[in-house]
Amino acid sequence: MIPRKRFGQHFLSDQAIIHQIVATLHPQKGEHLVEIGPGQGALTIPVLKQVNQLEVIELDRDLIHELERRSKHAGELIIYSADVLEFDFANIKKDKRLLRVFGNLPYNISTPLIFHVLQFAPMISDMLFMLQKEVAERLAAAANADAYGRLSVMVQYHCQVDLLFNVPARAFYPPPQVQSSIVHLTPYREYPYPARDYSLFEKIVKQAFGQRRKTLRNSLRDIVPDEAWATLSIHSDLRAENLSVKDFVDISNAL
C-alpha cells in the first residue's frame, strides 16, 4: 500500500527494530493495550499474537481492511475507525485495568496528540511512543536546555519521561527525513508537585513560553501581580526556560 502524505504515514519495516520495540513494551495477557495508528500492523500483529486481544485507533479506512485481513488468525483485534485527536479514551476503559497506550505517532500531529492523551493520564499506566527524535528530546529536556519548552513542562508534570533508544530512518518505508526515538511515559499516581488549580497552572506555562524572550514579570504581567513575586523565591527577571516544573507549580499555587 502507498503511504499517504496527508496522514504523515511512514511504515515501520525493519524486523529487528520491531522486535526491539515489542520486547520493550513487554505486553502481557490480560493487560488493556491500545495502539495509536497501527498502520499496516508492523507492531500490531506481533503484540496481538502475544496477548490475544488488542484495541487500535486508525483513521485511514483503507488500512483498516488490511489490518482485519492480517489479524484474522492472530487474535481478537478491536478497531476504532476514528481521529485520535478527538478520541475519548475514557469510553474504552470498561474495568479497573489501566490502559497501556503505544504507537508510532504521526510526525505531523505528535505534539497536539500528546497534549490530548495527557488529559487521560489518570487512567493510563504507561505509554510507549515512537516520535520524531527532536520531539522526544523536548519531552525529556530539563530547564535551561535548548529543547526545553511548554511540552517538556506539561508532560513532566504528569509523567516520568524516559528516552530509550533511537530508530534510524532506514527502518521505515518510505524513510522519513528525520530520526525517530522511542520514549516511555509513566503517569504519576501521585503528582510530585500538584497544582491546586490545574487550569491556572496550564495558562501560566502556556503564556510564559508563548513570550519566552520576555522576563516572567513581563510575560505574566496580566496573571501575576507585582506584589506576588515578593512572596515567591523565583526571580521575576528570569525567563520561562529557566524554571522547573516545580517553579511553575509554585507560581500557580501562590495565586
Protein backbone atom coordinates (compact mmCIF):
# COMPACT_ATOMS: atom_id res chain seq x y z
CA MET A 1 0.00 0.00 0.00
CA ILE A 2 1.24 3.52 -0.86
CA PRO A 3 1.78 5.67 2.28
CA ARG A 4 -0.31 8.84 2.37
CA LYS A 5 1.43 12.16 2.98
CA ARG A 6 -1.67 13.80 4.46
CA PHE A 7 -1.69 11.18 7.23
CA GLY A 8 2.07 11.52 7.78
CA GLN A 9 2.47 7.81 7.09
CA HIS A 10 5.87 6.12 7.37
CA PHE A 11 5.51 2.38 7.83
CA LEU A 12 7.92 0.55 10.11
CA SER A 13 9.56 -2.33 8.21
CA ASP A 14 12.81 -3.29 10.00
CA GLN A 15 12.16 -6.60 11.77
CA ALA A 16 14.99 -6.16 14.28
CA ILE A 17 13.61 -2.76 15.36
CA ILE A 18 10.06 -4.15 15.51
CA HIS A 19 11.26 -6.98 17.76
CA GLN A 20 13.13 -4.49 19.99
CA ILE A 21 10.07 -2.26 20.39
CA VAL A 22 7.75 -5.18 21.19
CA ALA A 23 10.30 -6.54 23.70
CA THR A 24 10.49 -3.08 25.32
CA LEU A 25 6.69 -2.87 25.51
CA HIS A 26 6.69 -6.37 27.07
CA PRO A 27 2.93 -6.89 26.62
CA GLN A 28 1.20 -9.39 28.91
CA LYS A 29 -2.09 -11.26 28.55
CA GLY A 30 -4.86 -9.59 30.49
CA GLU A 31 -3.49 -6.07 30.07
CA HIS A 32 -5.63 -3.41 28.40
CA LEU A 33 -3.46 -2.45 25.43
CA VAL A 34 -4.34 0.32 22.98
CA GLU A 35 -2.33 1.14 19.87
CA ILE A 36 -2.47 4.54 18.18
CA GLY A 37 -2.01 4.49 14.41
CA PRO A 38 -1.33 0.79 13.74
CA GLY A 39 -0.63 1.45 10.04
CA GLN A 40 -0.01 -1.84 8.26
CA GLY A 41 0.27 -3.71 11.57
CA ALA A 42 4.06 -3.94 11.99
CA LEU A 43 3.70 -3.73 15.79
CA THR A 44 0.03 -4.72 15.93
CA ILE A 45 0.35 -8.31 14.76
CA PRO A 46 3.32 -9.40 16.96
CA VAL A 47 1.72 -7.74 20.02
CA LEU A 48 -1.67 -9.30 19.25
CA LYS A 49 -0.09 -12.75 18.97
CA GLN A 50 1.33 -12.34 22.48
CA VAL A 51 -1.78 -11.02 24.22
CA ASN A 52 -4.70 -12.38 22.09
CA GLN A 53 -6.70 -9.13 22.36
CA LEU A 54 -5.76 -5.61 21.31
CA GLU A 55 -7.57 -2.35 20.57
CA VAL A 56 -6.31 0.03 17.89
CA ILE A 57 -7.27 3.51 16.65
CA GLU A 58 -6.85 4.10 12.91
CA LEU A 59 -8.06 6.98 10.73
CA ASP A 60 -7.21 5.58 7.27
CA ARG A 61 -10.08 3.30 6.26
CA ASP A 62 -8.02 1.61 3.55
CA LEU A 63 -5.59 0.41 6.21
CA ILE A 64 -8.43 -0.96 8.35
CA HIS A 65 -9.31 -3.61 5.74
CA GLU A 66 -5.66 -4.67 5.57
CA LEU A 67 -5.46 -4.87 9.38
CA GLU A 68 -8.60 -7.01 9.53
CA ARG A 69 -7.15 -9.39 6.96
CA ARG A 70 -3.73 -9.68 8.57
CA SER A 71 -5.04 -10.12 12.13
CA LYS A 72 -7.57 -12.83 11.30
CA HIS A 73 -5.54 -15.67 12.85
CA ALA A 74 -3.51 -13.62 15.36
CA GLY A 75 -6.19 -12.86 17.96
CA GLU A 76 -9.09 -10.51 18.61
CA LEU A 77 -8.37 -7.09 17.11
CA ILE A 78 -10.85 -4.33 18.00
CA ILE A 79 -10.53 -1.44 15.55
CA TYR A 80 -11.83 2.08 16.18
CA SER A 81 -12.10 4.00 12.93
CA ALA A 82 -11.52 7.45 14.36
CA ASP A 83 -9.37 10.57 14.52
CA VAL A 84 -7.25 10.00 17.61
CA LEU A 85 -7.15 13.77 18.28
CA GLU A 86 -10.87 13.55 19.04
CA PHE A 87 -10.86 10.06 20.58
CA ASP A 88 -12.26 9.70 24.11
CA PHE A 89 -10.08 7.11 25.85
CA ALA A 90 -12.45 7.17 28.83
CA ASN A 91 -15.07 5.42 26.68
CA ILE A 92 -12.94 2.30 26.24
CA LYS A 93 -11.94 1.89 29.89
CA LYS A 94 -14.58 -0.62 31.00
CA ASP A 95 -12.99 -2.05 34.17
CA LYS A 96 -10.33 -1.43 36.81
CA ARG A 97 -7.43 -2.07 34.44
CA LEU A 98 -5.39 0.97 33.47
CA LEU A 99 -4.68 1.47 29.78
CA ARG A 100 -1.28 0.76 28.23
CA VAL A 101 -1.02 3.01 25.18
CA PHE A 102 1.62 2.64 22.47
CA GLY A 103 2.24 3.53 18.86
CA ASN A 104 4.30 5.08 16.11
CA LEU A 105 2.83 8.59 16.29
CA PRO A 106 2.37 10.52 13.03
CA TYR A 107 5.00 13.27 12.95
CA ASN A 108 2.57 15.93 11.75
CA ILE A 109 0.26 15.64 14.79
CA SER A 110 2.55 14.23 17.50
CA THR A 111 2.59 17.32 19.77
CA PRO A 112 -1.19 18.00 19.81
CA LEU A 113 -1.72 14.25 20.14
CA ILE A 114 0.45 14.07 23.26
CA PHE A 115 -1.46 17.01 24.80
CA HIS A 116 -4.71 15.19 24.00
CA VAL A 117 -3.60 11.89 25.57
CA LEU A 118 -2.34 13.68 28.70
CA GLN A 119 -5.96 14.56 29.51
CA PHE A 120 -6.47 10.85 30.23
CA ALA A 121 -3.23 10.34 32.22
CA PRO A 122 -5.03 9.20 35.43
CA MET A 123 -6.44 6.17 33.58
CA ILE A 124 -3.19 5.22 31.82
CA SER A 125 -0.47 3.07 33.38
CA ASP A 126 2.18 3.85 30.77
CA MET A 127 2.79 4.96 27.18
CA LEU A 128 5.45 3.80 24.74
CA PHE A 129 5.71 6.08 21.72
CA MET A 130 7.89 6.36 18.67
CA LEU A 131 8.34 10.05 17.92
CA GLN A 132 10.49 12.37 15.88
CA LYS A 133 13.80 12.47 17.80
CA GLU A 134 13.54 16.24 18.23
CA VAL A 135 10.08 15.91 19.85
CA ALA A 136 11.25 13.08 22.12
CA GLU A 137 14.16 15.24 23.29
CA ARG A 138 11.73 18.07 24.05
CA LEU A 139 9.68 15.72 26.24
CA ALA A 140 12.72 14.80 28.33
CA ALA A 141 14.53 18.17 28.35
CA ALA A 142 15.42 19.81 31.66
CA ALA A 143 15.18 23.52 32.47
CA ASN A 144 17.80 25.71 30.74
CA ALA A 145 18.23 23.22 27.88
CA ASP A 146 17.63 24.40 24.31
CA ALA A 147 14.89 21.79 23.80
CA TYR A 148 13.04 22.74 27.00
CA GLY A 149 9.60 24.27 26.48
CA ARG A 150 5.89 24.09 27.18
CA LEU A 151 5.69 20.47 26.03
CA SER A 152 8.51 19.50 28.43
CA VAL A 153 6.80 21.11 31.42
CA MET A 154 3.31 19.76 30.74
CA VAL A 155 4.46 16.20 30.06
CA GLN A 156 6.84 16.15 33.03
CA TYR A 157 4.06 17.49 35.30
CA HIS A 158 2.04 14.35 34.52
CA CYS A 159 4.69 11.73 33.79
CA GLN A 160 8.12 10.33 34.37
CA VAL A 161 9.86 10.54 30.99
CA ASP A 162 12.48 8.03 29.83
CA LEU A 163 14.23 8.32 26.46
CA LEU A 164 15.07 4.75 25.47
CA PHE A 165 16.67 4.39 22.02
CA ASN A 166 16.81 5.88 18.54
CA VAL A 167 15.31 4.41 15.38
CA PRO A 168 17.10 5.16 12.07
CA ALA A 169 15.19 6.46 9.06
CA ARG A 170 16.06 3.31 7.08
CA ALA A 171 13.77 1.31 9.41
CA PHE A 172 10.74 2.85 7.64
CA TYR A 173 9.08 2.85 4.26
CA PRO A 174 9.32 5.48 2.95
CA PRO A 175 12.31 6.68 5.00
CA PRO A 176 11.41 9.96 6.78
CA GLN A 177 13.71 12.98 6.63
CA VAL A 178 14.23 12.79 10.39
CA GLN A 179 15.45 10.36 13.01
CA SER A 180 13.00 8.78 15.43
CA SER A 181 13.23 7.88 19.11
CA ILE A 182 11.37 5.59 21.48
CA VAL A 183 10.17 7.29 24.64
CA HIS A 184 8.44 5.77 27.68
CA LEU A 185 5.99 7.91 29.67
CA THR A 186 4.77 6.74 33.08
CA PRO A 187 1.93 8.86 34.54
CA TYR A 188 2.36 9.65 38.23
CA ARG A 189 -0.20 8.12 40.55
CA GLU A 190 0.67 10.89 43.00
CA TYR A 191 1.92 14.12 41.47
CA PRO A 192 5.33 15.23 42.84
CA TYR A 193 4.22 18.88 42.56
CA PRO A 194 0.41 19.08 42.46
CA ALA A 195 -1.17 22.29 41.18
CA ARG A 196 -4.15 23.43 43.24
CA ASP A 197 -5.71 24.97 40.14
CA TYR A 198 -4.59 22.96 37.11
CA SER A 199 -6.17 25.27 34.53
CA LEU A 200 -4.31 28.25 36.03
CA PHE A 201 -1.03 26.31 36.02
CA GLU A 202 -1.65 25.37 32.39
CA LYS A 203 -2.38 29.00 31.48
CA ILE A 204 0.80 30.26 33.18
CA VAL A 205 3.01 27.73 31.38
CA LYS A 206 1.40 28.44 28.00
CA GLN A 207 1.68 32.22 28.36
CA ALA A 208 5.25 32.16 29.71
CA PHE A 209 6.53 30.06 26.80
CA GLY A 210 4.36 31.95 24.31
CA GLN A 211 6.54 35.00 25.08
CA ARG A 212 9.69 33.15 26.05
CA ARG A 213 12.06 36.02 25.16
CA LYS A 214 10.42 38.22 27.79
CA THR A 215 11.13 38.12 31.51
CA LEU A 216 8.48 36.44 33.65
CA ARG A 217 7.43 39.80 35.11
CA ASN A 218 6.53 40.97 31.59
CA SER A 219 5.21 37.75 30.03
CA LEU A 220 2.95 37.03 33.02
CA ARG A 221 2.05 40.64 33.84
CA ASP A 222 -1.70 40.13 33.39
CA ILE A 223 -1.73 36.95 35.52
CA VAL A 224 0.84 37.52 38.28
CA PRO A 225 0.63 40.88 40.08
CA ASP A 226 3.93 42.53 41.01
CA GLU A 227 3.34 42.05 44.74
CA ALA A 228 3.01 38.27 44.25
CA TRP A 229 6.67 37.98 43.20
CA ALA A 230 7.71 39.20 46.65
CA THR A 231 6.17 36.06 48.20
CA LEU A 232 7.99 33.73 45.81
CA SER A 233 11.58 32.53 45.80
CA ILE A 234 11.54 32.83 41.99
CA HIS A 235 13.13 35.92 40.42
CA SER A 236 10.78 37.74 38.07
CA ASP A 237 13.68 38.69 35.78
CA LEU A 238 14.12 35.03 34.76
CA ARG A 239 12.63 33.63 31.56
CA ALA A 240 10.33 30.65 31.05
CA GLU A 241 13.14 28.24 30.09
CA ASN A 242 14.90 28.88 33.43
CA LEU A 243 12.02 27.48 35.51
CA SER A 244 11.48 23.87 36.60
CA VAL A 245 8.09 22.18 36.70
CA LYS A 246 8.06 22.82 40.47
CA ASP A 247 8.70 26.54 39.88
CA PHE A 248 5.70 26.85 37.57
CA VAL A 249 3.52 24.99 40.10
CA ASP A 250 4.78 27.27 42.89
CA ILE A 251 3.76 30.38 40.92
CA SER A 252 0.35 28.88 40.22
CA ASN A 253 -0.21 27.82 43.84
CA ALA A 254 0.89 31.22 45.18
CA LEU A 255 -2.02 32.78 43.31
